[in-house]
Amino acid sequence: MTACNISTGEFSKHFNANMKALGLPVPSTLFDSATAAISNAAIMIEALKKLGRGATVAELIKATTGLEKLKVAGALLASFYVGAVVGSIAVASTKTLGCGLNLEGFFSFQNKHRLKYPNSHLFYAANPEILAPKIKAHTGYWTKAIANKGL
């Protein structure tokens, strides 16, 4: 097994770059560290499970506390935003550790950190640009995330 080289302090940089590549806004402080990002993503996933996949980020904010900074993404479908957040956490974490990321590794990461949600495997298969922002389709991801334009 190959060891990963840890590059501390880079998580936020890689997370923000992945979200930016997807055309999505990233509020400050919610995702500055892996710990904060995982914690906030878990809160978002729990609220999304209760609200359903048709909920917007604005509805997600109303159903939780501490996520008010997400209002910049209020019109987006929460399922797409949360999906991008979870994928970006995995991408940033593996880049911070100096490791690569494949789909199997991502699903392992998702399970380990309890960031799995209903139909997430299908979601990431249909939106591979989340885990590989160099895929040309990434520039249109945000258009899919606009309310009423989802899967």
N, C-alpha and C. Protein backbone atom coordinates (compact mmCIF):
# COMPACT_ATOMS: atom_id res chain seq x y z
N MET A 1 0.84 -1.17 0.00
CA MET A 1 0.00 0.00 0.00
C MET A 1 0.89 1.25 0.00
N THR A 2 0.58 2.20 -0.84
CA THR A 2 1.35 3.42 -0.93
C THR A 2 0.90 4.39 0.15
N ALA A 3 1.87 4.99 0.84
CA ALA A 3 1.53 5.98 1.86
C ALA A 3 1.24 7.31 1.19
N CYS A 4 0.38 8.08 1.81
CA CYS A 4 0.03 9.40 1.30
C CYS A 4 0.85 10.45 2.04
N ASN A 5 1.25 11.46 1.34
CA ASN A 5 1.97 12.58 1.95
C ASN A 5 0.95 13.62 2.40
N ILE A 6 0.97 13.92 3.68
CA ILE A 6 0.00 14.89 4.21
C ILE A 6 0.51 16.30 3.97
N SER A 7 -0.34 17.12 3.40
CA SER A 7 -0.05 18.52 3.16
C SER A 7 -1.06 19.33 3.96
N THR A 8 -0.68 19.71 5.18
CA THR A 8 -1.63 20.39 6.06
C THR A 8 -1.92 21.80 5.57
N GLY A 9 -3.09 22.28 5.92
CA GLY A 9 -3.47 23.64 5.58
C GLY A 9 -3.96 23.83 4.16
N GLU A 10 -4.06 22.76 3.40
CA GLU A 10 -4.46 22.87 2.00
C GLU A 10 -5.91 22.48 1.76
N PHE A 11 -6.60 21.97 2.76
CA PHE A 11 -7.96 21.48 2.56
C PHE A 11 -8.86 22.56 1.96
N SER A 12 -8.90 23.72 2.58
CA SER A 12 -9.79 24.80 2.14
C SER A 12 -9.48 25.22 0.70
N LYS A 13 -8.22 25.28 0.37
CA LYS A 13 -7.81 25.65 -0.99
C LYS A 13 -8.37 24.66 -2.01
N HIS A 14 -8.21 23.38 -1.75
CA HIS A 14 -8.68 22.35 -2.69
C HIS A 14 -10.21 22.27 -2.72
N PHE A 15 -10.85 22.42 -1.56
CA PHE A 15 -12.31 22.40 -1.50
C PHE A 15 -12.87 23.56 -2.33
N ASN A 16 -12.37 24.76 -2.09
CA ASN A 16 -12.84 25.94 -2.81
C ASN A 16 -12.60 25.83 -4.31
N ALA A 17 -11.45 25.30 -4.70
CA ALA A 17 -11.14 25.14 -6.12
C ALA A 17 -12.11 24.18 -6.79
N ASN A 18 -12.45 23.08 -6.13
CA ASN A 18 -13.38 22.12 -6.71
C ASN A 18 -14.78 22.72 -6.85
N MET A 19 -15.23 23.42 -5.81
CA MET A 19 -16.56 24.05 -5.87
C MET A 19 -16.58 25.13 -6.95
N LYS A 20 -15.51 25.89 -7.05
CA LYS A 20 -15.44 26.95 -8.07
C LYS A 20 -15.45 26.35 -9.47
N ALA A 21 -14.76 25.23 -9.63
CA ALA A 21 -14.75 24.55 -10.94
C ALA A 21 -16.15 24.09 -11.33
N LEU A 22 -17.00 23.85 -10.33
CA LEU A 22 -18.38 23.44 -10.59
C LEU A 22 -19.30 24.65 -10.74
N GLY A 23 -18.75 25.84 -10.55
CA GLY A 23 -19.53 27.07 -10.68
C GLY A 23 -20.40 27.37 -9.48
N LEU A 24 -20.05 26.82 -8.32
CA LEU A 24 -20.88 26.99 -7.12
C LEU A 24 -20.22 27.91 -6.11
N PRO A 25 -21.03 28.72 -5.41
CA PRO A 25 -20.48 29.62 -4.39
C PRO A 25 -20.07 28.85 -3.14
N VAL A 26 -19.05 29.37 -2.46
CA VAL A 26 -18.56 28.75 -1.23
C VAL A 26 -18.50 29.83 -0.15
N PRO A 27 -19.41 29.78 0.81
CA PRO A 27 -19.35 30.76 1.90
C PRO A 27 -18.16 30.50 2.80
N SER A 28 -17.60 31.57 3.34
CA SER A 28 -16.44 31.40 4.21
C SER A 28 -16.84 30.76 5.53
N THR A 29 -15.93 30.15 6.16
CA THR A 29 -15.97 29.48 7.47
C THR A 29 -16.72 28.15 7.54
N LEU A 30 -17.71 27.91 6.70
CA LEU A 30 -18.45 26.65 6.78
C LEU A 30 -17.61 25.46 6.35
N PHE A 31 -16.66 25.69 5.47
CA PHE A 31 -15.89 24.59 4.90
C PHE A 31 -14.38 24.84 4.96
N ASP A 32 -13.93 25.60 5.95
CA ASP A 32 -12.52 25.96 6.06
C ASP A 32 -11.59 24.82 6.44
N SER A 33 -12.14 23.82 7.13
CA SER A 33 -11.32 22.67 7.52
C SER A 33 -12.12 21.40 7.21
N ALA A 34 -11.43 20.29 7.16
CA ALA A 34 -12.12 19.03 6.89
C ALA A 34 -13.14 18.74 7.98
N THR A 35 -12.80 19.02 9.22
CA THR A 35 -13.71 18.77 10.33
C THR A 35 -14.98 19.61 10.21
N ALA A 36 -14.82 20.89 9.95
CA ALA A 36 -15.99 21.78 9.81
C ALA A 36 -16.82 21.37 8.60
N ALA A 37 -16.16 21.06 7.50
CA ALA A 37 -16.87 20.69 6.27
C ALA A 37 -17.68 19.42 6.46
N ILE A 38 -17.08 18.41 7.08
CA ILE A 38 -17.78 17.14 7.31
C ILE A 38 -18.96 17.35 8.25
N SER A 39 -18.76 18.12 9.30
CA SER A 39 -19.82 18.39 10.25
C SER A 39 -20.99 19.13 9.59
N ASN A 40 -20.69 20.16 8.82
CA ASN A 40 -21.74 20.93 8.15
C ASN A 40 -22.43 20.12 7.06
N ALA A 41 -21.67 19.29 6.36
CA ALA A 41 -22.28 18.43 5.33
C ALA A 41 -23.23 17.43 5.97
N ALA A 42 -22.87 16.89 7.12
CA ALA A 42 -23.74 15.94 7.82
C ALA A 42 -25.05 16.62 8.23
N ILE A 43 -24.98 17.86 8.70
CA ILE A 43 -26.18 18.63 9.06
C ILE A 43 -27.05 18.83 7.82
N MET A 44 -26.42 19.18 6.71
CA MET A 44 -27.14 19.40 5.47
C MET A 44 -27.82 18.12 4.98
N ILE A 45 -27.12 17.00 5.07
CA ILE A 45 -27.68 15.72 4.63
C ILE A 45 -28.90 15.34 5.46
N GLU A 46 -28.81 15.50 6.77
CA GLU A 46 -29.95 15.17 7.64
C GLU A 46 -31.16 16.03 7.31
N ALA A 47 -30.94 17.32 7.09
CA ALA A 47 -32.06 18.21 6.73
C ALA A 47 -32.62 17.83 5.37
N LEU A 48 -31.76 17.50 4.43
CA LEU A 48 -32.20 17.12 3.09
C LEU A 48 -33.03 15.84 3.12
N LYS A 49 -32.66 14.90 3.96
CA LYS A 49 -33.44 13.66 4.10
C LYS A 49 -34.87 13.98 4.53
N LYS A 50 -35.03 14.96 5.41
CA LYS A 50 -36.35 15.33 5.91
C LYS A 50 -37.13 16.14 4.88
N LEU A 51 -36.43 17.02 4.16
CA LEU A 51 -37.09 17.93 3.22
C LEU A 51 -37.39 17.28 1.87
N GLY A 52 -36.57 16.34 1.45
CA GLY A 52 -36.74 15.70 0.15
C GLY A 52 -35.85 16.33 -0.91
N ARG A 53 -35.63 15.58 -1.98
CA ARG A 53 -34.66 16.00 -3.00
C ARG A 53 -35.07 17.22 -3.81
N GLY A 54 -36.32 17.63 -3.74
CA GLY A 54 -36.77 18.82 -4.46
C GLY A 54 -36.58 20.12 -3.70
N ALA A 55 -36.05 20.04 -2.49
CA ALA A 55 -35.85 21.23 -1.65
C ALA A 55 -34.73 22.11 -2.20
N THR A 56 -34.86 23.40 -1.95
CA THR A 56 -33.80 24.34 -2.33
C THR A 56 -32.85 24.55 -1.16
N VAL A 57 -31.72 25.18 -1.43
CA VAL A 57 -30.79 25.51 -0.36
C VAL A 57 -31.46 26.48 0.62
N ALA A 58 -32.28 27.39 0.13
CA ALA A 58 -32.99 28.32 1.01
C ALA A 58 -33.86 27.56 2.02
N GLU A 59 -34.54 26.51 1.58
CA GLU A 59 -35.35 25.69 2.48
C GLU A 59 -34.48 24.92 3.47
N LEU A 60 -33.31 24.50 3.02
CA LEU A 60 -32.36 23.81 3.88
C LEU A 60 -31.91 24.73 5.01
N ILE A 61 -31.64 25.98 4.68
CA ILE A 61 -31.22 26.97 5.67
C ILE A 61 -32.30 27.15 6.73
N LYS A 62 -33.55 27.25 6.30
CA LYS A 62 -34.65 27.45 7.24
C LYS A 62 -34.83 26.26 8.17
N ALA A 63 -34.46 25.07 7.73
CA ALA A 63 -34.65 23.86 8.51
C ALA A 63 -33.49 23.55 9.45
N THR A 64 -32.46 24.39 9.44
CA THR A 64 -31.27 24.13 10.26
C THR A 64 -30.85 25.41 10.97
N THR A 65 -29.82 25.29 11.78
CA THR A 65 -29.18 26.47 12.36
C THR A 65 -27.70 26.42 12.02
N GLY A 66 -27.13 27.58 11.82
CA GLY A 66 -25.70 27.67 11.55
C GLY A 66 -25.32 27.64 10.08
N LEU A 67 -26.28 27.49 9.19
CA LEU A 67 -25.96 27.42 7.76
C LEU A 67 -26.41 28.68 7.01
N GLU A 68 -26.66 29.76 7.73
CA GLU A 68 -27.18 30.98 7.11
C GLU A 68 -26.28 31.52 6.00
N LYS A 69 -24.98 31.26 6.10
CA LYS A 69 -24.06 31.76 5.08
C LYS A 69 -24.30 31.13 3.71
N LEU A 70 -25.08 30.07 3.66
CA LEU A 70 -25.39 29.41 2.39
C LEU A 70 -26.41 30.18 1.57
N LYS A 71 -26.93 31.29 2.08
CA LYS A 71 -27.97 32.04 1.36
C LYS A 71 -27.52 32.47 -0.03
N VAL A 72 -26.21 32.53 -0.27
CA VAL A 72 -25.70 32.86 -1.60
C VAL A 72 -26.07 31.80 -2.63
N ALA A 73 -26.44 30.62 -2.16
CA ALA A 73 -26.82 29.52 -3.04
C ALA A 73 -28.30 29.17 -2.89
N GLY A 74 -29.09 30.07 -2.34
CA GLY A 74 -30.47 29.80 -1.97
C GLY A 74 -31.36 29.22 -3.04
N ALA A 75 -31.21 29.62 -4.30
CA ALA A 75 -32.10 29.15 -5.37
C ALA A 75 -31.73 27.78 -5.91
N LEU A 76 -30.57 27.28 -5.56
CA LEU A 76 -30.12 25.99 -6.08
C LEU A 76 -30.84 24.84 -5.40
N LEU A 77 -30.97 23.75 -6.13
CA LEU A 77 -31.51 22.53 -5.51
C LEU A 77 -30.52 22.06 -4.45
N ALA A 78 -31.01 21.83 -3.25
CA ALA A 78 -30.14 21.42 -2.15
C ALA A 78 -29.44 20.10 -2.45
N SER A 79 -30.12 19.18 -3.15
CA SER A 79 -29.51 17.89 -3.44
C SER A 79 -28.25 18.05 -4.28
N PHE A 80 -28.27 18.98 -5.22
CA PHE A 80 -27.08 19.20 -6.04
C PHE A 80 -25.98 19.91 -5.25
N TYR A 81 -26.36 20.87 -4.44
CA TYR A 81 -25.36 21.59 -3.66
C TYR A 81 -24.71 20.66 -2.64
N VAL A 82 -25.52 19.89 -1.92
CA VAL A 82 -25.00 18.96 -0.93
C VAL A 82 -24.13 17.90 -1.62
N GLY A 83 -24.56 17.43 -2.78
CA GLY A 83 -23.76 16.47 -3.53
C GLY A 83 -22.40 17.03 -3.90
N ALA A 84 -22.38 18.29 -4.32
CA ALA A 84 -21.11 18.93 -4.67
C ALA A 84 -20.24 19.14 -3.43
N VAL A 85 -20.85 19.48 -2.31
CA VAL A 85 -20.10 19.67 -1.07
C VAL A 85 -19.44 18.36 -0.64
N VAL A 86 -20.20 17.28 -0.62
CA VAL A 86 -19.64 15.98 -0.20
C VAL A 86 -18.53 15.55 -1.17
N GLY A 87 -18.77 15.69 -2.46
CA GLY A 87 -17.73 15.35 -3.43
C GLY A 87 -16.49 16.21 -3.28
N SER A 88 -16.69 17.50 -3.04
CA SER A 88 -15.55 18.41 -2.88
C SER A 88 -14.77 18.13 -1.60
N ILE A 89 -15.46 17.69 -0.54
CA ILE A 89 -14.77 17.29 0.69
C ILE A 89 -13.85 16.11 0.39
N ALA A 90 -14.36 15.14 -0.35
CA ALA A 90 -13.55 13.96 -0.68
C ALA A 90 -12.37 14.34 -1.57
N VAL A 91 -12.62 15.17 -2.58
CA VAL A 91 -11.54 15.59 -3.47
C VAL A 91 -10.48 16.35 -2.68
N ALA A 92 -10.91 17.31 -1.85
CA ALA A 92 -9.96 18.11 -1.07
C ALA A 92 -9.18 17.24 -0.08
N SER A 93 -9.86 16.30 0.53
CA SER A 93 -9.20 15.43 1.50
C SER A 93 -8.14 14.56 0.83
N THR A 94 -8.46 14.00 -0.32
CA THR A 94 -7.48 13.15 -0.98
C THR A 94 -6.33 13.96 -1.56
N LYS A 95 -6.59 15.17 -2.03
CA LYS A 95 -5.50 16.02 -2.52
C LYS A 95 -4.63 16.47 -1.37
N THR A 96 -5.25 16.76 -0.23
CA THR A 96 -4.50 17.18 0.95
C THR A 96 -3.60 16.06 1.43
N LEU A 97 -4.06 14.83 1.26
CA LEU A 97 -3.26 13.68 1.66
C LEU A 97 -2.30 13.24 0.56
N GLY A 98 -2.38 13.87 -0.60
CA GLY A 98 -1.51 13.50 -1.71
C GLY A 98 -1.91 12.20 -2.38
N CYS A 99 -3.17 11.78 -2.22
CA CYS A 99 -3.67 10.54 -2.81
C CYS A 99 -4.58 10.85 -3.98
N GLY A 100 -4.79 9.87 -4.81
CA GLY A 100 -5.76 10.01 -5.88
C GLY A 100 -7.14 9.63 -5.38
N LEU A 101 -8.16 9.84 -6.22
CA LEU A 101 -9.52 9.51 -5.82
C LEU A 101 -10.21 8.82 -6.97
N ASN A 102 -10.69 7.60 -6.73
CA ASN A 102 -11.53 6.93 -7.70
C ASN A 102 -12.91 6.76 -7.07
N LEU A 103 -13.87 6.31 -7.84
CA LEU A 103 -15.24 6.21 -7.35
C LEU A 103 -15.34 5.26 -6.15
N GLU A 104 -14.65 4.15 -6.21
CA GLU A 104 -14.67 3.21 -5.08
C GLU A 104 -14.10 3.86 -3.83
N GLY A 105 -13.00 4.58 -3.99
CA GLY A 105 -12.41 5.29 -2.86
C GLY A 105 -13.34 6.35 -2.31
N PHE A 106 -14.06 7.02 -3.22
CA PHE A 106 -15.01 8.04 -2.78
C PHE A 106 -16.13 7.42 -1.95
N PHE A 107 -16.69 6.31 -2.42
CA PHE A 107 -17.78 5.67 -1.67
C PHE A 107 -17.30 5.19 -0.30
N SER A 108 -16.07 4.74 -0.22
CA SER A 108 -15.49 4.35 1.06
C SER A 108 -15.39 5.57 1.98
N PHE A 109 -14.91 6.68 1.43
CA PHE A 109 -14.79 7.93 2.17
C PHE A 109 -16.16 8.37 2.68
N GLN A 110 -17.15 8.31 1.80
CA GLN A 110 -18.51 8.73 2.12
C GLN A 110 -19.08 7.89 3.27
N ASN A 111 -18.87 6.59 3.23
CA ASN A 111 -19.34 5.70 4.30
C ASN A 111 -18.61 5.96 5.61
N LYS A 112 -17.29 6.10 5.53
CA LYS A 112 -16.47 6.30 6.72
C LYS A 112 -16.89 7.54 7.49
N HIS A 113 -17.23 8.60 6.79
CA HIS A 113 -17.57 9.86 7.43
C HIS A 113 -19.08 10.09 7.56
N ARG A 114 -19.84 9.03 7.30
CA ARG A 114 -21.32 9.07 7.42
C ARG A 114 -21.92 10.19 6.56
N LEU A 115 -21.44 10.30 5.34
CA LEU A 115 -21.93 11.31 4.41
C LEU A 115 -22.72 10.69 3.27
N LYS A 116 -23.19 9.49 3.49
CA LYS A 116 -23.99 8.80 2.48
C LYS A 116 -25.45 9.20 2.65
N TYR A 117 -26.15 9.30 1.56
CA TYR A 117 -27.57 9.63 1.59
C TYR A 117 -28.26 8.83 0.50
N PRO A 118 -29.60 8.75 0.54
CA PRO A 118 -30.33 7.91 -0.42
C PRO A 118 -29.99 8.26 -1.88
N ASN A 119 -29.72 7.25 -2.66
CA ASN A 119 -29.40 7.36 -4.08
C ASN A 119 -28.11 8.11 -4.39
N SER A 120 -27.23 8.26 -3.42
CA SER A 120 -26.00 9.00 -3.67
C SER A 120 -25.11 8.32 -4.70
N HIS A 121 -25.12 6.98 -4.74
CA HIS A 121 -24.31 6.29 -5.75
C HIS A 121 -24.78 6.67 -7.15
N LEU A 122 -26.08 6.71 -7.35
CA LEU A 122 -26.63 7.11 -8.65
C LEU A 122 -26.31 8.56 -8.98
N PHE A 123 -26.40 9.41 -7.95
CA PHE A 123 -26.13 10.83 -8.14
C PHE A 123 -24.70 11.06 -8.66
N TYR A 124 -23.71 10.43 -8.02
CA TYR A 124 -22.32 10.64 -8.42
C TYR A 124 -22.00 9.97 -9.76
N ALA A 125 -22.68 8.88 -10.06
CA ALA A 125 -22.50 8.25 -11.38
C ALA A 125 -23.04 9.17 -12.48
N ALA A 126 -24.13 9.88 -12.19
CA ALA A 126 -24.73 10.79 -13.17
C ALA A 126 -24.01 12.14 -13.24
N ASN A 127 -23.20 12.46 -12.23
CA ASN A 127 -22.51 13.74 -12.16
C ASN A 127 -21.02 13.55 -11.86
N PRO A 128 -20.29 12.89 -12.75
CA PRO A 128 -18.88 12.59 -12.47
C PRO A 128 -18.00 13.82 -12.37
N GLU A 129 -18.47 14.94 -12.89
CA GLU A 129 -17.67 16.17 -12.85
C GLU A 129 -17.41 16.65 -11.43
N ILE A 130 -18.21 16.21 -10.47
CA ILE A 130 -17.99 16.61 -9.08
C ILE A 130 -16.65 16.09 -8.58
N LEU A 131 -16.33 14.87 -8.93
CA LEU A 131 -15.09 14.25 -8.45
C LEU A 131 -13.92 14.46 -9.38
N ALA A 132 -14.18 14.94 -10.56
CA ALA A 132 -13.12 15.18 -11.54
C ALA A 132 -13.41 16.50 -12.26
N PRO A 133 -13.11 17.62 -11.61
CA PRO A 133 -13.50 18.91 -12.18
C PRO A 133 -12.86 19.25 -13.52
N LYS A 134 -11.93 18.45 -13.98
CA LYS A 134 -11.34 18.71 -15.29
C LYS A 134 -12.22 18.22 -16.43
N ILE A 135 -13.25 17.42 -16.09
CA ILE A 135 -14.19 16.97 -17.11
C ILE A 135 -14.90 18.19 -17.66
N LYS A 136 -14.98 18.31 -18.97
CA LYS A 136 -15.53 19.52 -19.60
C LYS A 136 -16.94 19.86 -19.16
N ALA A 137 -17.73 18.89 -18.74
CA ALA A 137 -19.11 19.14 -18.35
C ALA A 137 -19.23 19.96 -17.07
N HIS A 138 -18.12 20.17 -16.35
CA HIS A 138 -18.22 20.83 -15.05
C HIS A 138 -18.78 22.25 -15.14
N THR A 139 -18.57 22.94 -16.24
CA THR A 139 -19.06 24.31 -16.33
C THR A 139 -20.57 24.39 -16.35
N GLY A 140 -21.24 23.30 -16.70
CA GLY A 140 -22.69 23.30 -16.71
C GLY A 140 -23.31 22.71 -15.47
N TYR A 141 -22.50 22.30 -14.51
CA TYR A 141 -23.06 21.67 -13.31
C TYR A 141 -23.99 22.62 -12.57
N TRP A 142 -23.58 23.87 -12.42
CA TRP A 142 -24.42 24.81 -11.68
C TRP A 142 -25.78 25.00 -12.33
N THR A 143 -25.85 24.85 -13.66
CA THR A 143 -27.16 25.01 -14.31
C THR A 143 -28.09 23.86 -13.93
N LYS A 144 -27.53 22.67 -13.69
CA LYS A 144 -28.35 21.54 -13.24
C LYS A 144 -28.84 21.78 -11.82
N ALA A 145 -28.07 22.55 -11.06
CA ALA A 145 -28.38 22.77 -9.65
C ALA A 145 -29.43 23.87 -9.42
N ILE A 146 -29.78 24.59 -10.45
CA ILE A 146 -30.79 25.63 -10.30
C ILE A 146 -32.14 24.96 -10.05
N ALA A 147 -32.86 25.48 -9.12
CA ALA A 147 -34.15 24.88 -8.74
C ALA A 147 -35.00 24.58 -9.98
N ASN A 148 -35.61 23.41 -9.97
CA ASN A 148 -36.48 22.90 -11.04
C ASN A 148 -35.72 22.49 -12.30
N LYS A 149 -34.39 22.42 -12.23
CA LYS A 149 -33.61 21.97 -13.38
C LYS A 149 -32.85 20.69 -13.04
N GLY A 150 -33.20 20.05 -11.95
CA GLY A 150 -32.48 18.87 -11.48
C GLY A 150 -32.81 17.62 -12.26
N LEU A 151 -32.29 16.51 -11.75
CA LEU A 151 -32.53 15.20 -12.37
C LEU A 151 -33.99 14.83 -12.30
